[in-house]
Protein backbone atom coordinates (compact mmCIF):
# COMPACT_ATOMS: atom_id res chain seq x y z
CA MET A 1 207.35 37.41 -271.90
CA SER A 2 208.33 37.39 -268.40
CA ARG A 3 209.48 33.77 -267.16
CA LEU A 4 208.27 32.99 -263.79
CA SER A 5 210.79 32.51 -260.80
CA LEU A 6 211.10 28.96 -259.24
CA LEU A 7 208.95 29.86 -256.37
CA ASP A 8 206.30 31.35 -258.38
CA LEU A 9 206.33 28.47 -260.70
CA ALA A 10 206.15 25.98 -257.69
CA PHE A 11 202.66 27.66 -256.76
CA PHE A 12 201.40 26.42 -260.05
CA ILE A 13 202.73 22.98 -259.70
CA ALA A 14 201.08 22.65 -256.31
CA GLU A 15 197.59 24.05 -257.28
CA ASN A 16 194.54 21.93 -257.64
CA PRO A 17 190.93 22.30 -256.96
CA ALA A 18 191.24 21.23 -253.36
CA SER A 19 194.41 23.58 -252.59
CA PRO A 20 193.93 26.69 -254.79
CA LYS A 21 197.08 28.96 -254.61
CA HIS A 22 195.31 32.38 -254.23
CA VAL A 23 195.46 34.48 -251.16
CA GLY A 24 192.95 37.42 -250.30
CA GLY A 25 192.09 40.14 -248.08
CA LEU A 26 188.94 41.12 -246.39
CA HIS A 27 188.28 44.96 -245.84
CA ILE A 28 185.40 45.84 -243.76
CA HIS A 29 184.32 49.61 -244.26
CA GLN A 30 182.09 52.03 -242.46
CA ARG A 31 179.84 53.89 -244.98
CA PRO A 32 180.92 57.85 -244.81
CA ALA A 33 178.43 59.90 -242.71
CA GLY A 34 175.47 61.10 -244.70
CA ALA A 35 176.41 58.82 -247.74
CA PRO A 36 173.25 57.12 -249.45
CA ASP A 37 172.45 53.53 -248.77
CA ASP A 38 173.59 52.59 -252.14
CA PHE A 39 177.21 53.73 -251.50
CA ALA A 40 178.70 50.47 -252.13
CA ARG A 41 176.78 49.76 -255.23
CA ALA A 42 177.90 53.17 -256.69
CA LEU A 43 181.41 52.45 -255.61
CA TYR A 44 181.28 49.05 -257.62
CA GLU A 45 179.92 50.92 -260.77
CA GLU A 46 182.50 53.74 -260.48
CA TRP A 47 185.22 51.09 -260.20
CA LEU A 48 184.11 49.40 -263.30
CA THR A 49 185.19 52.62 -265.45
CA HIS A 50 188.73 52.22 -264.57
CA SER A 51 189.61 49.93 -267.23
CA ALA A 52 193.14 50.80 -267.96
CA VAL A 53 194.44 47.63 -266.06
CA LYS A 54 198.13 47.87 -265.33
CA ALA A 55 200.90 45.29 -264.65
CA PRO A 56 200.62 42.54 -263.09
CA PHE A 57 196.95 42.68 -263.22
CA ASN A 58 197.03 42.39 -266.93
CA ARG A 59 199.15 39.39 -267.00
CA VAL A 60 197.89 35.79 -268.19
CA ILE A 61 200.02 32.53 -267.23
CA GLU A 62 201.12 30.65 -270.36
CA PHE A 63 202.44 27.37 -270.01
CA LEU A 64 203.49 26.66 -273.49
CA GLY A 65 206.59 28.85 -273.48
CA ALA A 66 210.21 28.60 -274.68
CA GLY A 67 212.18 25.73 -273.17
CA LEU A 68 208.79 24.40 -271.63
CA MET A 69 209.18 26.81 -268.72
CA PRO A 70 205.83 28.82 -268.07
CA SER A 71 205.77 32.74 -268.49
CA TRP A 72 203.40 35.86 -268.03
CA ARG A 73 201.89 37.27 -271.16
CA SER A 74 200.59 40.84 -271.20
CA VAL A 75 196.99 41.29 -272.52
CA SER A 76 196.03 44.55 -273.93
CA LYS A 77 192.27 44.55 -272.57
CA VAL A 78 190.79 43.00 -269.53
CA ASP A 79 187.03 42.55 -269.15
CA LEU A 80 186.42 44.11 -265.56
CA LYS A 81 182.92 42.54 -265.31
CA GLN A 82 184.86 39.24 -265.41
CA HIS A 83 186.82 40.33 -262.36
CA LEU A 84 184.79 42.96 -260.47
CA HIS A 85 181.71 41.50 -258.61
CA PHE A 86 178.83 42.87 -256.53
CA HIS A 87 176.97 41.07 -253.69
CA ARG A 88 174.46 42.00 -251.06
CA LEU A 89 173.79 39.89 -247.94
CA PRO A 90 170.21 38.80 -247.49
CA ALA A 91 168.29 40.99 -244.65
CA ARG A 92 167.97 38.30 -242.32
CA HIS A 93 171.72 37.50 -242.48
CA ARG A 94 173.73 40.44 -242.03
CA ASP A 95 175.87 39.37 -239.22
CA ARG A 96 179.65 38.54 -239.34
CA GLU A 97 178.95 34.85 -239.43
CA ALA A 98 177.11 35.45 -242.74
CA LEU A 99 180.00 37.67 -244.00
CA TYR A 100 182.49 35.05 -243.31
CA ALA A 101 180.53 32.33 -244.89
CA LEU A 102 180.12 34.09 -248.16
CA VAL A 103 183.97 35.00 -248.19
CA ALA A 104 184.86 31.43 -247.46
CA GLU A 105 182.63 30.35 -250.46
CA LEU A 106 184.23 33.08 -252.75
CA HIS A 107 187.84 31.91 -251.48
CA GLU A 108 187.03 28.16 -252.55
CA PRO A 109 187.50 27.90 -256.34
CA MET A 110 190.59 28.22 -258.29
CA LEU A 111 190.99 31.44 -260.26
CA GLU A 112 190.16 31.01 -264.16
CA ARG A 113 193.81 30.62 -265.72
CA LYS A 114 192.37 31.81 -269.16
CA ARG A 115 192.48 35.40 -267.73
CA PRO A 116 194.38 37.66 -265.25
CA LEU A 117 194.55 35.67 -261.96
CA TRP A 118 192.55 38.21 -259.66
CA GLU A 119 189.10 39.28 -258.44
CA VAL A 120 187.48 41.88 -256.48
CA HIS A 121 184.22 41.55 -254.66
CA VAL A 122 182.06 44.41 -253.18
CA ILE A 123 179.94 42.91 -250.55
CA ASP A 124 176.89 45.32 -249.23
CA GLY A 125 174.29 44.83 -246.43
CA LEU A 126 176.45 44.36 -243.46
CA TRP A 127 175.78 45.38 -239.93
CA ASP A 128 175.54 49.00 -238.86
CA GLY A 129 175.78 50.51 -242.38
CA GLN A 130 179.15 48.80 -243.35
CA PHE A 131 180.24 47.25 -246.47
CA ALA A 132 183.12 44.95 -247.25
CA VAL A 133 185.66 44.36 -250.27
CA TYR A 134 187.18 40.93 -250.59
CA TYR A 135 190.24 40.81 -252.94
CA ARG A 136 191.84 37.67 -254.15
CA MET A 137 194.73 37.07 -256.38
CA HIS A 138 197.22 34.30 -257.40
CA HIS A 139 200.11 33.97 -255.15
CA ALA A 140 202.29 33.92 -258.03
CA TYR A 141 201.62 37.41 -258.70
CA ALA A 142 203.34 38.62 -255.57
CA ASP A 143 204.21 37.70 -251.83
CA GLY A 144 201.94 38.94 -249.02
CA ILE A 145 204.03 41.72 -247.82
CA THR A 146 203.80 43.11 -251.34
CA MET A 147 199.96 42.47 -251.81
CA ALA A 148 199.43 44.26 -248.67
CA ARG A 149 201.54 47.22 -249.88
CA TRP A 150 199.52 47.36 -253.05
CA GLY A 151 196.32 47.32 -251.15
CA ALA A 152 197.33 50.08 -248.73
CA GLU A 153 198.40 52.28 -251.66
CA SER A 154 195.01 51.86 -253.40
CA LEU A 155 193.38 53.53 -250.36
CA ALA A 156 193.62 57.15 -249.01
CA THR A 157 195.20 58.42 -245.72
CA ARG A 158 192.53 61.22 -245.29
CA ALA A 159 188.74 61.05 -245.16
CA ASP A 160 188.34 64.22 -247.39
CA ASP A 161 190.67 62.48 -250.29
CA LEU A 162 187.93 61.05 -252.60
CA GLN A 163 190.26 59.91 -255.36
CA LEU A 164 189.72 56.27 -256.27
CA ARG A 165 193.11 54.49 -256.88
CA PRO A 166 191.91 50.78 -258.17
CA VAL A 167 194.81 48.41 -257.46
CA TRP A 168 194.61 46.95 -260.88
CA ALA A 169 194.91 50.34 -262.36
CA THR A 170 198.14 51.22 -260.64
CA ASP A 171 201.34 50.38 -262.17
CA HIS A 172 203.12 48.40 -259.32
CA THR A 173 206.16 47.28 -261.31
CA ARG A 174 209.07 49.36 -262.99
CA ARG A 175 209.59 46.75 -265.97
CA ARG A 176 206.74 45.47 -267.92
CA SER A 177 206.34 42.40 -269.75
CA GLY A 178 206.09 42.96 -273.34
CA GLY A 179 204.55 41.09 -276.27
CA SER A 180 201.24 39.51 -277.18
CA GLY A 181 200.49 36.50 -279.12
CA GLY A 182 200.91 32.94 -277.96
CA THR A 183 197.62 31.12 -277.46
CA GLY A 184 197.80 27.54 -276.15
CA LEU A 185 197.26 26.87 -272.61
CA ARG A 186 197.31 23.47 -270.74
CA SER A 187 197.22 22.30 -267.26
CA LEU A 188 200.42 22.33 -265.49
CA SER A 189 201.54 18.75 -264.27
CA LEU A 190 204.64 17.25 -262.55
CA ASP A 191 205.96 15.76 -265.76
CA ARG A 192 209.52 14.67 -266.25
CA ALA A 193 210.55 17.41 -268.48
CA LEU A 194 209.16 20.40 -266.41
CA VAL A 195 210.79 18.64 -263.18
CA ALA A 196 214.24 18.24 -265.07
CA LYS A 197 214.14 21.74 -266.25
CA THR A 198 213.22 23.05 -262.47
CA TRP A 199 216.11 20.98 -261.09
CA LYS A 200 218.47 22.28 -263.69
CA ARG A 201 217.58 25.83 -262.58
CA LEU A 202 217.78 24.85 -258.88
CA THR A 203 221.36 23.61 -259.22
CA ALA A 204 222.98 25.78 -261.85
CA ASN A 205 223.93 28.54 -259.18
CA SER A 206 226.93 27.95 -257.31
CA GLN A 207 225.89 30.22 -254.38
CA ARG A 208 222.95 27.99 -254.22
CA ALA A 209 224.71 24.74 -254.10
CA ILE A 210 227.00 25.73 -251.40
CA GLY A 211 224.25 27.32 -249.41
CA VAL A 212 221.99 24.07 -249.78
CA GLY A 213 225.12 21.92 -248.78
CA ARG A 214 225.45 24.25 -245.50
CA LEU A 215 221.73 23.95 -244.91
CA THR A 216 221.63 20.37 -245.34
CA ALA A 217 224.66 19.73 -242.92
CA MET A 218 222.92 21.93 -240.07
CA LEU A 219 219.42 19.75 -240.62
CA LEU A 220 221.54 16.45 -240.36
CA LEU A 221 222.97 17.77 -237.01
CA GLU A 222 219.55 18.66 -235.88
CA ALA A 223 218.08 15.22 -237.00
CA MET A 224 220.77 13.39 -235.02
CA LYS A 225 220.08 15.64 -232.02
CA LEU A 226 223.77 17.05 -231.96
CA THR A 227 222.44 20.58 -231.99
CA LYS A 228 219.40 22.66 -231.35
CA ASN A 229 220.10 25.64 -233.33
CA ALA A 230 218.60 24.89 -236.69
CA ILE A 231 215.12 25.11 -238.49
CA ALA A 232 213.08 22.13 -237.66
CA VAL A 233 213.81 18.71 -239.59
CA PRO A 234 211.09 17.81 -242.28
CA PHE A 235 208.45 15.15 -241.58
CA MET A 236 209.12 15.27 -237.79
CA ALA A 237 205.99 17.07 -236.75
CA SER A 238 203.20 15.09 -234.93
CA GLY A 239 200.57 13.43 -236.79
CA GLU A 240 198.00 13.36 -234.27
CA THR A 241 196.26 16.52 -234.89
CA PRO A 242 193.38 17.49 -237.09
CA PHE A 243 195.41 20.36 -238.81
CA THR A 244 197.03 17.91 -241.45
CA GLY A 245 195.66 15.52 -243.93
CA LYS A 246 194.08 15.46 -247.34
CA ALA A 247 192.56 18.74 -248.24
CA THR A 248 189.06 19.16 -249.38
CA PRO A 249 187.63 21.97 -251.66
CA GLY A 250 185.53 23.52 -248.99
CA ARG A 251 186.92 26.55 -246.85
CA GLN A 252 185.97 28.15 -243.63
CA LEU A 253 187.21 31.40 -242.15
CA ALA A 254 187.57 32.82 -238.57
CA THR A 255 189.25 35.81 -237.00
CA ALA A 256 190.65 37.02 -233.88
CA ALA A 257 191.90 40.61 -233.07
CA LEU A 258 194.51 41.68 -230.34
CA PRO A 259 195.04 45.52 -229.43
CA MET A 260 198.65 46.46 -230.41
CA ALA A 261 198.99 48.70 -227.46
CA ARG A 262 198.28 45.78 -224.97
CA ILE A 263 200.88 43.79 -227.08
CA ALA A 264 203.38 46.60 -226.79
CA ALA A 265 202.85 46.59 -223.07
CA VAL A 266 203.51 42.80 -222.87
CA ARG A 267 206.59 43.16 -225.16
CA LYS A 268 207.99 45.84 -222.95
CA ALA A 269 207.50 43.82 -219.61
CA ALA A 270 209.05 40.52 -221.21
CA ARG A 271 211.49 42.01 -223.58
CA ALA A 272 209.83 40.19 -226.33
CA THR A 273 209.17 40.95 -230.07
CA LEU A 274 205.84 40.98 -231.73
CA ASN A 275 206.31 37.73 -233.18
CA HIS A 276 207.26 36.03 -229.76
CA VAL A 277 204.17 37.18 -228.34
CA ALA A 278 201.90 36.29 -231.26
CA LEU A 279 203.30 32.71 -231.64
CA THR A 280 203.27 32.16 -227.98
CA CYS A 281 199.36 33.03 -227.92
CA LEU A 282 198.82 30.85 -231.06
CA ASP A 283 200.86 27.82 -229.61
CA GLY A 284 198.85 27.90 -226.33
CA ALA A 285 195.57 28.29 -228.17
CA MET A 286 196.43 25.32 -230.53
CA HIS A 287 197.59 23.04 -227.34
CA ARG A 288 194.21 24.13 -225.72
CA TYR A 289 192.09 23.43 -228.84
CA LEU A 290 193.61 20.13 -229.25
CA ALA A 291 193.20 19.12 -225.67
CA GLU A 292 189.27 20.03 -226.09
CA GLU A 293 189.15 17.67 -229.09
CA GLY A 294 190.88 14.90 -226.92
CA ILE A 295 194.56 15.28 -228.11
CA GLU A 296 197.35 15.80 -225.93
CA LEU A 297 200.78 16.26 -227.59
CA ASP A 298 204.24 15.48 -226.02
CA ARG A 299 206.19 17.41 -228.24
CA PRO A 300 206.15 20.88 -229.83
CA ILE A 301 203.92 22.03 -232.40
CA THR A 302 205.69 22.50 -235.83
CA ILE A 303 204.82 25.50 -238.06
CA GLN A 304 205.72 26.30 -241.58
CA MET A 305 206.70 30.01 -241.41
CA PRO A 306 207.39 32.23 -244.47
CA VAL A 307 210.38 34.50 -244.13
CA SER A 308 211.35 37.60 -246.39
CA LEU A 309 214.39 36.80 -248.54
CA ARG A 310 214.54 40.58 -249.72
CA LYS A 311 217.86 42.26 -248.98
CA PRO A 312 217.60 44.81 -246.30
CA GLY A 313 216.74 48.35 -247.65
CA SER A 314 215.38 46.85 -250.91
CA LYS A 315 212.14 48.08 -252.23
CA ALA A 316 209.92 45.42 -253.94
CA ALA A 317 207.94 48.31 -255.42
CA GLN A 318 210.69 48.98 -257.89
CA SER A 319 211.11 45.60 -259.23
CA ASP A 320 209.08 42.92 -260.97
CA ALA A 321 206.20 41.29 -258.90
CA GLY A 322 206.65 38.04 -257.57
CA ASN A 323 207.62 36.16 -254.54
CA LYS A 324 210.86 36.70 -252.45
CA ILE A 325 209.99 34.51 -249.41
CA GLY A 326 211.21 31.26 -248.16
CA ILE A 327 209.20 28.80 -246.04
CA ILE A 328 210.95 27.07 -243.16
CA LEU A 329 210.01 24.89 -240.36
CA VAL A 330 209.97 25.92 -236.77
CA ASP A 331 209.21 23.94 -233.56
CA LEU A 332 207.51 26.06 -231.06
CA ALA A 333 207.44 25.38 -227.20
CA GLU A 334 207.41 22.09 -225.48
CA PRO A 335 204.04 21.62 -224.20
CA THR A 336 203.46 23.55 -220.97
CA ASP A 337 200.89 25.33 -218.82
CA ASP A 338 203.07 28.27 -218.12
CA ALA A 339 202.45 31.10 -220.67
CA TYR A 340 205.68 32.76 -219.69
CA VAL A 341 208.05 29.63 -219.91
CA ARG A 342 206.24 29.21 -223.39
CA LEU A 343 207.23 32.84 -224.30
CA ARG A 344 210.69 32.33 -223.53
CA ASN A 345 211.09 28.90 -225.24
CA VAL A 346 209.34 30.35 -228.42
CA GLY A 347 211.48 33.41 -228.35
CA TYR A 348 214.64 30.93 -228.07
CA SER A 349 213.55 29.03 -231.12
CA LEU A 350 212.76 32.06 -233.23
CA ARG A 351 216.43 33.60 -232.51
CA ASN A 352 218.02 30.48 -233.59
CA VAL A 353 215.89 30.41 -236.77
CA ARG A 354 216.83 34.06 -237.42
CA ASN A 355 220.49 33.17 -237.06
CA LEU A 356 220.38 30.29 -239.40
CA VAL A 357 218.58 32.16 -242.07
CA ASP A 358 221.01 34.97 -241.81
CA SER A 359 223.93 32.46 -242.22
CA VAL A 360 223.01 30.88 -245.53
CA THR A 361 222.37 32.48 -248.85
CA PRO A 362 218.67 33.36 -249.85
CA GLU A 363 219.00 30.87 -252.81
CA ALA A 364 219.59 28.03 -250.37
CA ILE A 365 216.43 28.92 -248.46
CA GLU A 366 214.64 29.27 -251.69
CA THR A 367 215.84 25.88 -252.93
CA TYR A 368 214.79 24.30 -249.41
CA THR A 369 211.45 26.07 -249.76
CA ILE A 370 210.74 24.43 -253.18
CA LEU A 371 212.04 20.87 -252.51
CA THR A 372 210.34 20.58 -249.12
CA GLY A 373 207.20 21.78 -250.94
CA VAL A 374 207.63 19.27 -253.83
CA LEU A 375 207.78 16.50 -251.05
CA GLY A 376 204.71 17.63 -249.59
CA GLN A 377 202.92 17.92 -252.84
CA LEU A 378 204.08 14.35 -253.78
CA ALA A 379 202.69 13.00 -250.43
CA ASP A 380 199.42 14.83 -251.17
CA MET A 381 199.24 13.47 -254.81
CA MET A 382 199.91 9.97 -253.73
CA LYS A 383 197.45 10.06 -251.10
CA LEU A 384 200.17 9.66 -248.25
CA SER A 385 199.09 12.95 -246.56
CA GLU A 386 196.98 10.97 -243.86
CA LEU A 387 199.55 7.96 -243.63
CA VAL A 388 203.20 9.77 -243.38
CA THR A 389 204.41 12.03 -240.72
CA PRO A 390 203.40 15.52 -241.83
CA MET A 391 205.92 18.24 -242.87
CA GLY A 392 204.44 20.57 -240.12
CA ASN A 393 201.22 20.94 -238.39
CA CYS A 394 200.26 24.43 -239.84
CA THR A 395 201.46 27.53 -241.54
CA VAL A 396 201.82 30.76 -239.78
CA SER A 397 202.68 34.02 -241.40
CA ASN A 398 203.10 37.38 -240.19
CA VAL A 399 202.37 40.37 -242.72
CA PRO A 400 203.11 44.05 -241.38
CA GLY A 401 200.04 46.49 -242.48
CA PRO A 402 199.60 50.25 -242.33
CA GLU A 403 199.53 51.77 -238.87
CA GLU A 404 197.40 54.71 -239.72
CA ARG A 405 193.54 54.58 -240.73
CA LEU A 406 192.94 54.34 -244.36
CA TYR A 407 189.94 55.37 -246.37
CA LEU A 408 188.18 54.32 -249.64
CA LYS A 409 186.54 57.33 -251.30
CA GLY A 410 185.78 58.66 -247.70
CA ALA A 411 184.53 55.40 -246.02
CA PRO A 412 186.91 54.52 -243.25
CA LEU A 413 188.65 51.07 -243.47
CA MET A 414 187.73 49.46 -239.98
CA GLU A 415 189.10 45.96 -240.22
CA MET A 416 191.75 44.26 -242.51
CA HIS A 417 191.54 40.53 -242.40
CA PRO A 418 193.95 38.19 -244.42
CA VAL A 419 192.51 35.26 -246.18
CA SER A 420 195.38 32.90 -247.10
CA THR A 421 195.95 29.72 -248.92
CA LEU A 422 196.61 26.18 -247.48
CA PRO A 423 200.01 24.37 -248.59
CA PRO A 424 200.02 20.51 -249.35
CA THR A 425 198.88 18.41 -246.38
CA HIS A 426 197.87 21.36 -244.31
CA LEU A 427 194.36 21.73 -243.17
CA LEU A 428 194.91 25.25 -241.40
CA ASN A 429 196.66 28.50 -242.17
CA ILE A 430 197.09 31.27 -239.67
CA THR A 431 198.10 34.68 -240.85
CA LEU A 432 198.76 37.95 -238.59
CA PHE A 433 198.16 41.11 -240.16
CA SER A 434 198.61 44.64 -238.35
CA TYR A 435 196.71 47.49 -239.03
CA ALA A 436 195.59 50.79 -237.20
CA GLY A 437 196.40 49.74 -233.60
CA GLN A 438 195.15 45.96 -234.12
CA LEU A 439 196.73 42.69 -234.74
CA TYR A 440 194.19 40.78 -236.83
CA VAL A 441 194.54 36.90 -236.88
CA GLY A 442 193.02 35.39 -239.97
CA LEU A 443 192.50 31.68 -239.62
CA VAL A 444 191.54 29.55 -242.89
CA ALA A 445 190.83 25.90 -242.85
CA THR A 446 189.19 23.29 -244.90
CA ASP A 447 185.59 22.76 -244.00
CA THR A 448 186.39 19.44 -242.19
CA LEU A 449 188.40 21.19 -239.28
CA PRO A 450 186.06 21.12 -236.44
CA ASN A 451 185.47 24.23 -234.39
CA LEU A 452 187.40 26.70 -236.08
CA GLY A 453 185.79 29.80 -234.43
CA ARG A 454 186.62 28.07 -230.94
CA LEU A 455 190.38 28.05 -232.09
CA ALA A 456 189.78 31.89 -232.90
CA GLU A 457 188.50 32.55 -229.36
CA LEU A 458 191.27 30.83 -227.64
CA VAL A 459 193.78 33.04 -229.39
CA GLU A 460 192.20 35.90 -227.46
CA ASP A 461 192.01 34.15 -224.38
CA GLU A 462 195.62 32.92 -224.59
CA PHE A 463 196.79 36.63 -224.87
CA ARG A 464 194.83 37.54 -221.79
CA VAL A 465 196.79 34.57 -219.95
CA LEU A 466 200.14 35.82 -221.28
CA GLU A 467 199.44 39.29 -219.95
CA ALA A 468 198.70 38.15 -216.65
CA ALA A 469 201.78 35.84 -216.70
CA VAL A 470 204.21 38.87 -217.28
CA SER A 471 202.37 41.68 -215.06
């Protein structure tokens, strides 16, 4: 048995049919030159033969564990036909819109908890002889950075390397969870005993308690407007946007892409980081999107932003899977039409946040993440998400990906798009993912958010505006 960390446990506590807690990736490949039309189908059939499933892809969540705390149980055999699926787009619907619609539909349902929490979908029949692979796995398995690395490790760096390395057939952990047996499964709820156990773990560590006290003091000073050097105060974001509310089960997907070489030129001209540039574009795009929807904000947009809690130089590949992240609130720029001013204000905010995160223990950030998440979940469960001031306006994360072109049995990987999850009360999640000279922006939202594709267009447009402002 392998006990879940507090953050991994929180993903199960917050999960429901309207807000599943799996994350995914959409890979678009070009068939190799001279490959037959059934290349993708043959790939799927060959994948089915790789049945030696390794950790964590052989783990099942078990809620009836010792001390009531859930744990992972390794299973000896995994039926790959329950996890690998093949699809073909209809002949009349082979464009990007049809692909995104199918992926959004596949992304909607919760993963079946009676078996390992992952799926892989091969999608054939795309435009220009291309095919796609959509992966999804539960967020409790690992954080986004770790999952991205697993995905890259399953691919080749040369077109002539035809060996298959399925992500589920590679051992990604140094220590394995032993044991079999154990039978009962039940739905996880916020019952008093489980909350009490979680709270005990939250407060048992003295470093955690000291860090939480320091962080609380900083937030109090921020709330009283005595400082402007800390992370944003929870439940202070604008409630006037369509980005927050009660989530519905339906999903939609849109993407944007920004050339890394042009981003590098902006960074050099403005002495900014990648995060500064990307968040400036997102901030400007969201303000313009809201304006087109008839909404003008008089305060900054507040985002929830994951930050890595791994120690510098640590290698997650040599430890158990799981999440080593915190999720903090960040105010972006005050509303402005000047892209350069917005860039400077976003940079100032991010530098202050980084200084704060570095000044407290990782345990404090983890505790803050869990407690604010529980508050957001309670607001969602009590149907207060459309009545109370939201925790933040949306979630934005940045996951670094491979710089070089990758291949799958000789098929070049042309695009890598992140497909993320929605936190409680949030109807929009934006994930940045860099790959082979492009920064891909994946936007996932409930099907009630209007004009998601327009928001993606505005991200690319705002980058052009920023380029002009710093030139």
